[in-house]
Amino acid sequence: QVQLVESGGGLVQAGGSLRLSCAATRNIINIATMAWYRQAPGKQRELVAEITRGVSTNYADSVKGRFTISRDNAKNTVYLQMNSLLPEDTAVYYCLARGPGIFWGQGTQVTVSS
């Protein structure tokens, strides 16, 4: 079992930046993949970015070049640096830990005003 707690969301103007954090209640070094998903109102939850234990990364096309995912195993924390934010980035952002098992955080709201 692992619990995930997201933080860092908020209201920002278009073009601004935010850094989301996902703190795990146990060591994440053996968790195969950590990821960020998001869900906008009326839309399905979608993958934003993921990072493997071997620090390979994968991004949604819509965020490539603007968002950066990283993991600090010593701090049991995963980050999502979001730059050049757009109104369409507005969503609840969720942290995911996968392998073994699948665990979700409770989400943090990100609102980008135009």
C-alpha atoms as a PDB file:
ATOM      1  CA  GLN A   1       0.000   0.000   0.000  1.00  0.00           C
ATOM      2  CA  VAL A   2       1.094   3.547  -0.662  1.00  0.00           C
ATOM      3  CA  GLN A   3      -0.750   6.794  -0.104  1.00  0.00           C
ATOM      4  CA  LEU A   4      -0.125   9.742  -2.373  1.00  0.00           C
ATOM      5  CA  VAL A   5      -0.705  13.366  -1.437  1.00  0.00           C
ATOM      6  CA  GLU A   6      -0.654  16.018  -4.148  1.00  0.00           C
ATOM      7  CA  SER A   7       0.004  19.685  -3.544  1.00  0.00           C
ATOM      8  CA  GLY A   8       0.944  22.803  -5.462  1.00  0.00           C
ATOM      9  CA  GLY A   9      -2.223  23.419  -7.417  1.00  0.00           C
ATOM     10  CA  GLY A  10      -3.900  26.786  -7.611  1.00  0.00           C
ATOM     11  CA  LEU A  11      -5.014  29.646  -9.819  1.00  0.00           C
ATOM     12  CA  VAL A  12      -2.551  31.085 -12.310  1.00  0.00           C
ATOM     13  CA  GLN A  13      -2.763  33.320 -15.359  1.00  0.00           C
ATOM     14  CA  ALA A  14      -2.086  31.963 -18.820  1.00  0.00           C
ATOM     15  CA  GLY A  15       1.636  31.887 -19.488  1.00  0.00           C
ATOM     16  CA  GLY A  16       2.425  31.300 -15.842  1.00  0.00           C
ATOM     17  CA  SER A  17       3.985  28.352 -14.053  1.00  0.00           C
ATOM     18  CA  LEU A  18       3.155  25.945 -11.258  1.00  0.00           C
ATOM     19  CA  ARG A  19       4.996  23.016  -9.717  1.00  0.00           C
ATOM     20  CA  LEU A  20       2.945  20.108  -8.456  1.00  0.00           C
ATOM     21  CA  SER A  21       4.294  17.718  -5.862  1.00  0.00           C
ATOM     22  CA  CYS A  22       3.193  14.182  -5.071  1.00  0.00           C
ATOM     23  CA  ALA A  23       4.453  12.894  -1.741  1.00  0.00           C
ATOM     24  CA  ALA A  24       4.279   9.168  -1.072  1.00  0.00           C
ATOM     25  CA  THR A  25       3.923   7.616   2.371  1.00  0.00           C
ATOM     26  CA  ARG A  26       6.586   5.045   1.656  1.00  0.00           C
ATOM     27  CA  ASN A  27       9.715   4.596  -0.383  1.00  0.00           C
ATOM     28  CA  ILE A  28       9.026   4.883  -4.098  1.00  0.00           C
ATOM     29  CA  ILE A  29      12.327   3.546  -5.330  1.00  0.00           C
ATOM     30  CA  ASN A  30      10.776   0.183  -6.176  1.00  0.00           C
ATOM     31  CA  ILE A  31       7.637   1.605  -7.769  1.00  0.00           C
ATOM     32  CA  ALA A  32       7.905   0.954 -11.486  1.00  0.00           C
ATOM     33  CA  THR A  33       6.081   4.022 -12.763  1.00  0.00           C
ATOM     34  CA  MET A  34       4.958   7.303 -11.276  1.00  0.00           C
ATOM     35  CA  ALA A  35       2.635   9.434 -13.331  1.00  0.00           C
ATOM     36  CA  TRP A  36       0.455  12.514 -13.458  1.00  0.00           C
ATOM     37  CA  TYR A  37      -3.020  12.392 -14.939  1.00  0.00           C
ATOM     38  CA  ARG A  38      -5.593  15.121 -15.258  1.00  0.00           C
ATOM     39  CA  GLN A  39      -9.338  15.346 -15.636  1.00  0.00           C
ATOM     40  CA  ALA A  40     -11.145  18.414 -16.906  1.00  0.00           C
ATOM     41  CA  PRO A  41     -14.896  18.882 -16.342  1.00  0.00           C
ATOM     42  CA  GLY A  42     -16.878  16.665 -18.675  1.00  0.00           C
ATOM     43  CA  LYS A  43     -13.786  14.919 -20.001  1.00  0.00           C
ATOM     44  CA  GLN A  44     -12.091  11.608 -19.376  1.00  0.00           C
ATOM     45  CA  ARG A  45      -9.014  11.355 -17.208  1.00  0.00           C
ATOM     46  CA  GLU A  46      -5.914  11.513 -19.382  1.00  0.00           C
ATOM     47  CA  LEU A  47      -2.232  10.844 -18.979  1.00  0.00           C
ATOM     48  CA  VAL A  48      -0.120  13.977 -18.694  1.00  0.00           C
ATOM     49  CA  ALA A  49       3.324  12.560 -17.987  1.00  0.00           C
ATOM     50  CA  GLU A  50       4.962   9.462 -16.551  1.00  0.00           C
ATOM     51  CA  ILE A  51       8.399   8.510 -15.320  1.00  0.00           C
ATOM     52  CA  THR A  52       9.753   5.028 -14.798  1.00  0.00           C
ATOM     53  CA  ARG A  53      12.080   3.704 -12.139  1.00  0.00           C
ATOM     54  CA  GLY A  54      14.822   3.996 -14.730  1.00  0.00           C
ATOM     55  CA  VAL A  55      13.833   7.671 -15.202  1.00  0.00           C
ATOM     56  CA  SER A  56      12.535   7.249 -18.732  1.00  0.00           C
ATOM     57  CA  THR A  57       9.776   9.782 -19.364  1.00  0.00           C
ATOM     58  CA  ASN A  58       6.719  10.010 -21.556  1.00  0.00           C
ATOM     59  CA  TYR A  59       4.500  13.031 -22.160  1.00  0.00           C
ATOM     60  CA  ALA A  60       1.167  13.770 -23.715  1.00  0.00           C
ATOM     61  CA  ASP A  61       1.630  15.637 -26.976  1.00  0.00           C
ATOM     62  CA  SER A  62      -0.308  18.596 -25.589  1.00  0.00           C
ATOM     63  CA  VAL A  63       2.264  19.240 -22.846  1.00  0.00           C
ATOM     64  CA  LYS A  64       5.545  18.331 -24.539  1.00  0.00           C
ATOM     65  CA  GLY A  65       8.058  21.128 -24.211  1.00  0.00           C
ATOM     66  CA  ARG A  66       6.049  22.826 -21.457  1.00  0.00           C
ATOM     67  CA  PHE A  67       5.827  20.270 -18.631  1.00  0.00           C
ATOM     68  CA  THR A  68       8.604  18.299 -16.961  1.00  0.00           C
ATOM     69  CA  ILE A  69       8.148  15.301 -14.683  1.00  0.00           C
ATOM     70  CA  SER A  70      10.829  14.266 -12.214  1.00  0.00           C
ATOM     71  CA  ARG A  71      11.151  11.955  -9.239  1.00  0.00           C
ATOM     72  CA  ASP A  72      13.234  12.271  -6.097  1.00  0.00           C
ATOM     73  CA  ASN A  73      13.415   8.796  -4.604  1.00  0.00           C
ATOM     74  CA  ALA A  74      15.238  10.085  -1.518  1.00  0.00           C
ATOM     75  CA  LYS A  75      12.256  12.338  -0.734  1.00  0.00           C
ATOM     76  CA  ASN A  76       9.619   9.861  -1.954  1.00  0.00           C
ATOM     77  CA  THR A  77       8.258  12.644  -4.120  1.00  0.00           C
ATOM     78  CA  VAL A  78       7.360  13.148  -7.753  1.00  0.00           C
ATOM     79  CA  TYR A  79       7.123  16.594  -9.297  1.00  0.00           C
ATOM     80  CA  LEU A  80       5.425  18.104 -12.302  1.00  0.00           C
ATOM     81  CA  GLN A  81       6.871  21.435 -13.390  1.00  0.00           C
ATOM     82  CA  MET A  82       4.315  23.180 -15.586  1.00  0.00           C
ATOM     83  CA  ASN A  83       5.391  26.197 -17.630  1.00  0.00           C
ATOM     84  CA  SER A  84       3.633  28.296 -20.250  1.00  0.00           C
ATOM     85  CA  LEU A  85       0.278  27.226 -18.871  1.00  0.00           C
ATOM     86  CA  LEU A  86      -2.792  27.485 -21.075  1.00  0.00           C
ATOM     87  CA  PRO A  87      -6.479  27.741 -20.129  1.00  0.00           C
ATOM     88  CA  GLU A  88      -6.949  24.246 -21.541  1.00  0.00           C
ATOM     89  CA  ASP A  89      -4.577  22.930 -18.870  1.00  0.00           C
ATOM     90  CA  THR A  90      -7.306  23.633 -16.309  1.00  0.00           C
ATOM     91  CA  ALA A  91      -8.163  20.340 -14.606  1.00  0.00           C
ATOM     92  CA  VAL A  92      -7.828  18.301 -11.462  1.00  0.00           C
ATOM     93  CA  TYR A  93      -4.372  16.737 -11.522  1.00  0.00           C
ATOM     94  CA  TYR A  94      -3.901  13.294 -10.018  1.00  0.00           C
ATOM     95  CA  CYS A  95      -0.771  11.421  -9.048  1.00  0.00           C
ATOM     96  CA  LEU A  96      -0.522   7.705  -9.823  1.00  0.00           C
ATOM     97  CA  ALA A  97       1.829   5.007  -8.587  1.00  0.00           C
ATOM     98  CA  ARG A  98       1.876   1.806 -10.636  1.00  0.00           C
ATOM     99  CA  GLY A  99       3.764  -1.448 -10.165  1.00  0.00           C
ATOM    100  CA  PRO A 100       3.164  -3.336  -8.027  1.00  0.00           C
ATOM    101  CA  GLY A 101      -0.468  -2.352  -7.609  1.00  0.00           C
ATOM    102  CA  ILE A 102      -2.131   0.875  -8.672  1.00  0.00           C
ATOM    103  CA  PHE A 103      -2.600   3.783  -6.292  1.00  0.00           C
ATOM    104  CA  TRP A 104      -4.121   7.238  -6.857  1.00  0.00           C
ATOM    105  CA  GLY A 105      -3.845  10.481  -4.984  1.00  0.00           C
ATOM    106  CA  GLN A 106      -6.859  12.642  -4.162  1.00  0.00           C
ATOM    107  CA  GLY A 107      -6.066  15.274  -6.786  1.00  0.00           C
ATOM    108  CA  THR A 108      -5.199  18.949  -6.801  1.00  0.00           C
ATOM    109  CA  GLN A 109      -7.030  21.631  -8.767  1.00  0.00           C
ATOM    110  CA  VAL A 110      -5.179  23.671 -11.362  1.00  0.00           C
ATOM    111  CA  THR A 111      -7.025  26.625 -12.870  1.00  0.00           C
ATOM    112  CA  VAL A 112      -5.488  28.714 -15.632  1.00  0.00           C
ATOM    113  CA  SER A 113      -7.220  31.983 -16.399  1.00  0.00           C
ATOM    114  CA  SER A 114      -7.054  33.635 -19.797  1.00  0.00           C
END
